[in-house]
């Protein structure tokens, strides 16, 4: 595990909602093929944007309450938070280029 922070129901508010920087949360599960496929990309992004954007991973099997609270219907789903509010999302596996475009747009606002 690199720079991506594993979050749970217990650490959600502190790590995501109260973060001073924007946060990208990867909603995933161990049995999800596409989730495993994008996992290395998520780690790379966590490293590249270290200090600018916090990258978190939430296992939907371990924290179903958070997943349902954010109406996660399919995984992988990536939600982007700023000041505790969802400002954007990507559902399904996307390319690193697509993730970077979204992150750069959020960081420039």
N, C-alpha and C. Protein backbone atom coordinates (compact mmCIF):
# COMPACT_ATOMS: atom_id res chain seq x y z
N UNK A 1 0.84 -1.19 0.00
CA UNK A 1 0.00 0.00 0.00
C UNK A 1 0.88 1.25 0.00
N UNK A 2 0.66 2.12 -0.93
CA UNK A 2 1.48 3.32 -1.05
C UNK A 2 0.89 4.50 -0.32
N UNK A 3 0.63 5.57 -1.05
CA UNK A 3 0.13 6.81 -0.45
C UNK A 3 -1.38 6.85 -0.28
N UNK A 4 -2.09 5.92 -0.90
CA UNK A 4 -3.55 5.92 -0.76
C UNK A 4 -3.90 5.49 0.66
N UNK A 5 -4.87 6.19 1.24
CA UNK A 5 -5.28 5.96 2.62
C UNK A 5 -6.51 5.05 2.63
N UNK A 6 -6.44 3.96 3.38
CA UNK A 6 -7.62 3.10 3.53
C UNK A 6 -8.55 3.75 4.54
N UNK A 7 -9.79 3.99 4.14
CA UNK A 7 -10.76 4.58 5.07
C UNK A 7 -11.86 3.58 5.39
N UNK A 8 -12.44 3.75 6.55
CA UNK A 8 -13.54 2.90 7.02
C UNK A 8 -14.64 3.83 7.52
N UNK A 9 -15.73 3.25 7.95
CA UNK A 9 -16.81 4.05 8.53
C UNK A 9 -16.30 4.89 9.70
N UNK A 10 -15.37 4.32 10.48
CA UNK A 10 -14.84 5.01 11.66
C UNK A 10 -13.97 6.22 11.30
N UNK A 11 -13.17 6.10 10.22
CA UNK A 11 -12.25 7.19 9.89
C UNK A 11 -12.78 8.12 8.79
N UNK A 12 -13.98 7.83 8.27
CA UNK A 12 -14.55 8.57 7.14
C UNK A 12 -14.58 10.09 7.37
N UNK A 13 -15.22 10.53 8.47
CA UNK A 13 -15.37 11.97 8.71
C UNK A 13 -14.02 12.66 8.79
N UNK A 14 -13.13 12.07 9.55
CA UNK A 14 -11.80 12.68 9.75
C UNK A 14 -11.00 12.74 8.45
N UNK A 15 -10.94 11.62 7.73
CA UNK A 15 -10.09 11.53 6.53
C UNK A 15 -10.69 12.22 5.31
N UNK A 16 -12.02 12.14 5.15
CA UNK A 16 -12.65 12.64 3.92
C UNK A 16 -13.38 13.97 4.15
N UNK A 17 -14.38 13.95 5.03
CA UNK A 17 -15.23 15.13 5.19
C UNK A 17 -14.50 16.32 5.81
N UNK A 18 -13.54 16.06 6.70
CA UNK A 18 -12.84 17.15 7.37
C UNK A 18 -11.47 17.44 6.76
N UNK A 19 -11.18 16.89 5.60
CA UNK A 19 -9.88 17.09 4.96
C UNK A 19 -9.72 18.54 4.50
N UNK A 20 -8.52 19.07 4.69
CA UNK A 20 -8.25 20.45 4.25
C UNK A 20 -7.94 20.50 2.75
N UNK A 21 -7.64 19.34 2.14
CA UNK A 21 -7.39 19.28 0.70
C UNK A 21 -8.52 18.49 0.04
N UNK A 22 -8.69 18.65 -1.28
CA UNK A 22 -9.69 17.83 -1.97
C UNK A 22 -9.35 16.35 -1.79
N UNK A 23 -10.38 15.50 -1.87
CA UNK A 23 -10.18 14.06 -1.65
C UNK A 23 -10.83 13.27 -2.79
N UNK A 24 -10.10 12.27 -3.28
CA UNK A 24 -10.65 11.32 -4.25
C UNK A 24 -10.81 10.00 -3.50
N UNK A 25 -12.03 9.46 -3.48
CA UNK A 25 -12.28 8.19 -2.79
C UNK A 25 -12.61 7.12 -3.82
N UNK A 26 -11.84 6.05 -3.78
CA UNK A 26 -12.05 4.89 -4.64
C UNK A 26 -12.90 3.88 -3.86
N UNK A 27 -14.17 3.71 -4.28
CA UNK A 27 -15.04 2.71 -3.67
C UNK A 27 -14.79 1.40 -4.42
N UNK A 28 -14.33 0.37 -3.70
CA UNK A 28 -13.90 -0.87 -4.34
C UNK A 28 -14.28 -2.07 -3.48
N UNK A 29 -14.04 -3.28 -4.02
CA UNK A 29 -14.20 -4.52 -3.25
C UNK A 29 -13.20 -5.54 -3.78
N UNK A 30 -12.81 -6.47 -2.92
CA UNK A 30 -11.79 -7.46 -3.27
C UNK A 30 -12.20 -8.35 -4.45
N UNK A 31 -13.51 -8.59 -4.61
CA UNK A 31 -14.01 -9.48 -5.66
C UNK A 31 -14.21 -8.78 -7.00
N UNK A 32 -13.96 -7.48 -7.05
CA UNK A 32 -14.24 -6.67 -8.25
C UNK A 32 -13.03 -6.62 -9.19
N UNK A 33 -13.18 -7.24 -10.35
CA UNK A 33 -12.09 -7.28 -11.34
C UNK A 33 -11.64 -5.90 -11.80
N UNK A 34 -12.57 -5.03 -12.27
CA UNK A 34 -12.16 -3.69 -12.70
C UNK A 34 -11.49 -2.87 -11.58
N UNK A 35 -11.91 -3.14 -10.32
CA UNK A 35 -11.29 -2.44 -9.18
C UNK A 35 -9.81 -2.80 -9.10
N UNK A 36 -9.53 -4.09 -9.25
CA UNK A 36 -8.14 -4.56 -9.20
C UNK A 36 -7.35 -3.98 -10.37
N UNK A 37 -8.02 -3.85 -11.51
CA UNK A 37 -7.38 -3.34 -12.71
C UNK A 37 -6.90 -1.90 -12.54
N UNK A 38 -7.71 -1.06 -11.87
CA UNK A 38 -7.33 0.36 -11.73
C UNK A 38 -6.51 0.63 -10.45
N UNK A 39 -6.38 -0.37 -9.57
CA UNK A 39 -5.67 -0.16 -8.29
C UNK A 39 -4.25 0.41 -8.46
N UNK A 40 -3.43 -0.12 -9.39
CA UNK A 40 -2.09 0.47 -9.55
C UNK A 40 -2.14 1.94 -10.00
N UNK A 41 -3.11 2.27 -10.84
CA UNK A 41 -3.27 3.66 -11.29
C UNK A 41 -3.64 4.57 -10.12
N UNK A 42 -4.52 4.09 -9.25
CA UNK A 42 -4.94 4.86 -8.07
C UNK A 42 -3.71 5.15 -7.20
N UNK A 43 -2.85 4.14 -7.02
CA UNK A 43 -1.63 4.31 -6.22
C UNK A 43 -0.71 5.35 -6.86
N UNK A 44 -0.56 5.27 -8.19
CA UNK A 44 0.30 6.24 -8.91
C UNK A 44 -0.24 7.66 -8.72
N UNK A 45 -1.55 7.82 -8.82
CA UNK A 45 -2.16 9.13 -8.65
C UNK A 45 -1.95 9.65 -7.22
N UNK A 46 -2.04 8.73 -6.24
CA UNK A 46 -1.83 9.11 -4.84
C UNK A 46 -0.42 9.67 -4.67
N UNK A 47 0.53 9.07 -5.36
CA UNK A 47 1.91 9.53 -5.28
C UNK A 47 2.10 10.87 -6.01
N UNK A 48 1.58 10.93 -7.24
CA UNK A 48 1.74 12.13 -8.07
C UNK A 48 1.09 13.37 -7.47
N UNK A 49 -0.06 13.18 -6.82
CA UNK A 49 -0.80 14.33 -6.29
C UNK A 49 -0.64 14.47 -4.77
N UNK A 50 0.36 13.79 -4.22
CA UNK A 50 0.62 13.84 -2.78
C UNK A 50 0.77 15.30 -2.34
N UNK A 51 -0.01 15.71 -1.34
CA UNK A 51 0.05 17.09 -0.85
C UNK A 51 -0.96 18.01 -1.50
N UNK A 52 -1.44 17.64 -2.70
CA UNK A 52 -2.43 18.46 -3.40
C UNK A 52 -3.83 17.88 -3.25
N UNK A 53 -3.91 16.55 -3.33
CA UNK A 53 -5.19 15.86 -3.22
C UNK A 53 -4.97 14.57 -2.44
N UNK A 54 -5.85 14.32 -1.49
CA UNK A 54 -5.75 13.08 -0.72
C UNK A 54 -6.47 11.99 -1.50
N UNK A 55 -5.85 10.83 -1.60
CA UNK A 55 -6.45 9.69 -2.30
C UNK A 55 -6.77 8.62 -1.26
N UNK A 56 -8.05 8.24 -1.21
CA UNK A 56 -8.50 7.25 -0.23
C UNK A 56 -9.16 6.08 -0.94
N UNK A 57 -9.13 4.93 -0.27
CA UNK A 57 -9.79 3.73 -0.78
C UNK A 57 -10.76 3.24 0.29
N UNK A 58 -12.01 2.96 -0.12
CA UNK A 58 -12.99 2.46 0.82
C UNK A 58 -13.53 1.13 0.31
N UNK A 59 -13.33 0.07 1.09
CA UNK A 59 -13.83 -1.25 0.73
C UNK A 59 -15.33 -1.28 1.04
N UNK A 60 -16.14 -1.41 -0.01
CA UNK A 60 -17.60 -1.34 0.16
C UNK A 60 -18.14 -2.53 0.96
N UNK A 61 -17.43 -3.64 0.98
CA UNK A 61 -17.87 -4.79 1.78
C UNK A 61 -17.65 -4.53 3.27
N UNK A 62 -16.60 -3.78 3.59
CA UNK A 62 -16.28 -3.48 4.99
C UNK A 62 -17.07 -2.28 5.53
N UNK A 63 -17.45 -1.37 4.64
CA UNK A 63 -18.17 -0.15 5.07
C UNK A 63 -19.39 0.09 4.19
N UNK A 64 -20.36 -0.83 4.21
CA UNK A 64 -21.53 -0.67 3.33
C UNK A 64 -22.37 0.55 3.67
N UNK A 65 -22.30 1.02 4.91
CA UNK A 65 -23.07 2.20 5.31
C UNK A 65 -22.64 3.44 4.53
N UNK A 66 -21.35 3.62 4.37
CA UNK A 66 -20.83 4.78 3.64
C UNK A 66 -21.19 4.65 2.15
N UNK A 67 -21.03 3.44 1.61
CA UNK A 67 -21.36 3.21 0.20
C UNK A 67 -22.83 3.52 -0.08
N UNK A 68 -23.72 3.08 0.80
CA UNK A 68 -25.15 3.34 0.56
C UNK A 68 -25.50 4.80 0.79
N UNK A 69 -24.83 5.43 1.73
CA UNK A 69 -25.04 6.85 2.00
C UNK A 69 -24.74 7.69 0.75
N UNK A 70 -23.77 7.23 -0.06
CA UNK A 70 -23.40 7.95 -1.28
C UNK A 70 -23.97 7.30 -2.54
N UNK A 71 -24.98 6.44 -2.35
CA UNK A 71 -25.68 5.78 -3.46
C UNK A 71 -24.74 5.12 -4.46
N UNK A 72 -23.75 4.39 -3.94
CA UNK A 72 -22.82 3.67 -4.81
C UNK A 72 -23.54 2.42 -5.31
N UNK A 73 -23.84 2.40 -6.61
CA UNK A 73 -24.57 1.28 -7.21
C UNK A 73 -23.65 0.31 -7.92
N UNK A 74 -22.55 0.81 -8.43
CA UNK A 74 -21.59 -0.02 -9.14
C UNK A 74 -20.19 0.36 -8.74
N UNK A 75 -19.30 -0.62 -8.76
CA UNK A 75 -17.91 -0.31 -8.44
C UNK A 75 -17.02 -0.79 -9.59
N UNK A 76 -15.87 -0.18 -9.81
CA UNK A 76 -15.36 0.93 -9.02
C UNK A 76 -16.14 2.23 -9.27
N UNK A 77 -16.29 3.00 -8.21
CA UNK A 77 -16.84 4.35 -8.29
C UNK A 77 -15.85 5.25 -7.58
N UNK A 78 -15.52 6.36 -8.19
CA UNK A 78 -14.61 7.32 -7.57
C UNK A 78 -15.34 8.62 -7.35
N UNK A 79 -15.41 9.02 -6.10
CA UNK A 79 -16.07 10.27 -5.74
C UNK A 79 -15.02 11.29 -5.36
N UNK A 80 -15.25 12.52 -5.78
CA UNK A 80 -14.33 13.62 -5.48
C UNK A 80 -15.00 14.56 -4.50
N UNK A 81 -14.33 14.82 -3.40
CA UNK A 81 -14.87 15.68 -2.34
C UNK A 81 -14.03 16.94 -2.21
N UNK A 82 -14.71 18.04 -1.93
CA UNK A 82 -14.03 19.29 -1.61
C UNK A 82 -14.83 19.92 -0.48
N UNK A 83 -14.15 20.25 0.61
CA UNK A 83 -14.80 20.83 1.80
C UNK A 83 -15.97 19.96 2.28
N UNK A 84 -15.79 18.64 2.22
CA UNK A 84 -16.78 17.71 2.74
C UNK A 84 -17.96 17.41 1.84
N UNK A 85 -17.98 17.98 0.62
CA UNK A 85 -19.10 17.77 -0.29
C UNK A 85 -18.63 17.06 -1.56
N UNK A 86 -19.50 16.19 -2.10
CA UNK A 86 -19.19 15.53 -3.37
C UNK A 86 -19.29 16.56 -4.48
N UNK A 87 -18.21 16.71 -5.24
CA UNK A 87 -18.25 17.69 -6.34
C UNK A 87 -18.18 17.04 -7.71
N UNK A 88 -17.79 15.76 -7.75
CA UNK A 88 -17.73 15.07 -9.04
C UNK A 88 -17.59 13.58 -8.80
N UNK A 89 -17.77 12.78 -9.86
CA UNK A 89 -17.53 11.35 -9.72
C UNK A 89 -17.24 10.70 -11.06
N UNK A 90 -16.59 9.55 -10.97
CA UNK A 90 -16.34 8.70 -12.14
C UNK A 90 -16.84 7.32 -11.75
N UNK A 91 -17.70 6.73 -12.57
CA UNK A 91 -18.19 5.39 -12.29
C UNK A 91 -17.59 4.45 -13.33
N UNK A 92 -16.99 3.36 -12.85
CA UNK A 92 -16.37 2.39 -13.75
C UNK A 92 -14.88 2.66 -13.91
N UNK A 93 -14.21 1.70 -14.51
CA UNK A 93 -12.77 1.84 -14.72
C UNK A 93 -12.53 2.91 -15.78
N UNK A 94 -11.62 3.80 -15.49
CA UNK A 94 -11.27 4.87 -16.44
C UNK A 94 -9.76 4.84 -16.64
N UNK A 95 -9.29 5.54 -17.65
CA UNK A 95 -7.85 5.58 -17.91
C UNK A 95 -7.18 6.59 -16.97
N UNK A 96 -5.88 6.45 -16.83
CA UNK A 96 -5.13 7.38 -15.98
C UNK A 96 -5.31 8.81 -16.50
N UNK A 97 -5.34 8.95 -17.82
CA UNK A 97 -5.52 10.27 -18.44
C UNK A 97 -6.86 10.88 -18.01
N UNK A 98 -7.92 10.07 -17.99
CA UNK A 98 -9.24 10.58 -17.58
C UNK A 98 -9.23 11.00 -16.11
N UNK A 99 -8.59 10.19 -15.26
CA UNK A 99 -8.49 10.55 -13.84
C UNK A 99 -7.74 11.86 -13.67
N UNK A 100 -6.60 11.98 -14.38
CA UNK A 100 -5.76 13.18 -14.25
C UNK A 100 -6.51 14.43 -14.72
N UNK A 101 -7.26 14.31 -15.82
CA UNK A 101 -8.02 15.46 -16.32
C UNK A 101 -9.02 15.94 -15.27
N UNK A 102 -9.70 14.97 -14.64
CA UNK A 102 -10.70 15.29 -13.62
C UNK A 102 -10.02 15.93 -12.41
N UNK A 103 -8.92 15.35 -11.94
CA UNK A 103 -8.19 15.86 -10.78
C UNK A 103 -7.66 17.27 -11.06
N UNK A 104 -7.04 17.45 -12.23
CA UNK A 104 -6.49 18.76 -12.59
C UNK A 104 -7.58 19.83 -12.63
N UNK A 105 -8.76 19.46 -13.15
CA UNK A 105 -9.88 20.40 -13.21
C UNK A 105 -10.33 20.80 -11.81
N UNK A 106 -10.38 19.82 -10.91
CA UNK A 106 -10.79 20.10 -9.52
C UNK A 106 -9.76 20.96 -8.81
N UNK A 107 -8.50 20.68 -9.04
CA UNK A 107 -7.44 21.43 -8.36
C UNK A 107 -7.31 22.86 -8.89
N UNK A 108 -7.81 23.09 -10.10
CA UNK A 108 -7.69 24.45 -10.67
C UNK A 108 -8.86 25.34 -10.28
N UNK A 109 -9.86 24.80 -9.56
CA UNK A 109 -11.01 25.63 -9.17
C UNK A 109 -10.81 26.23 -7.80
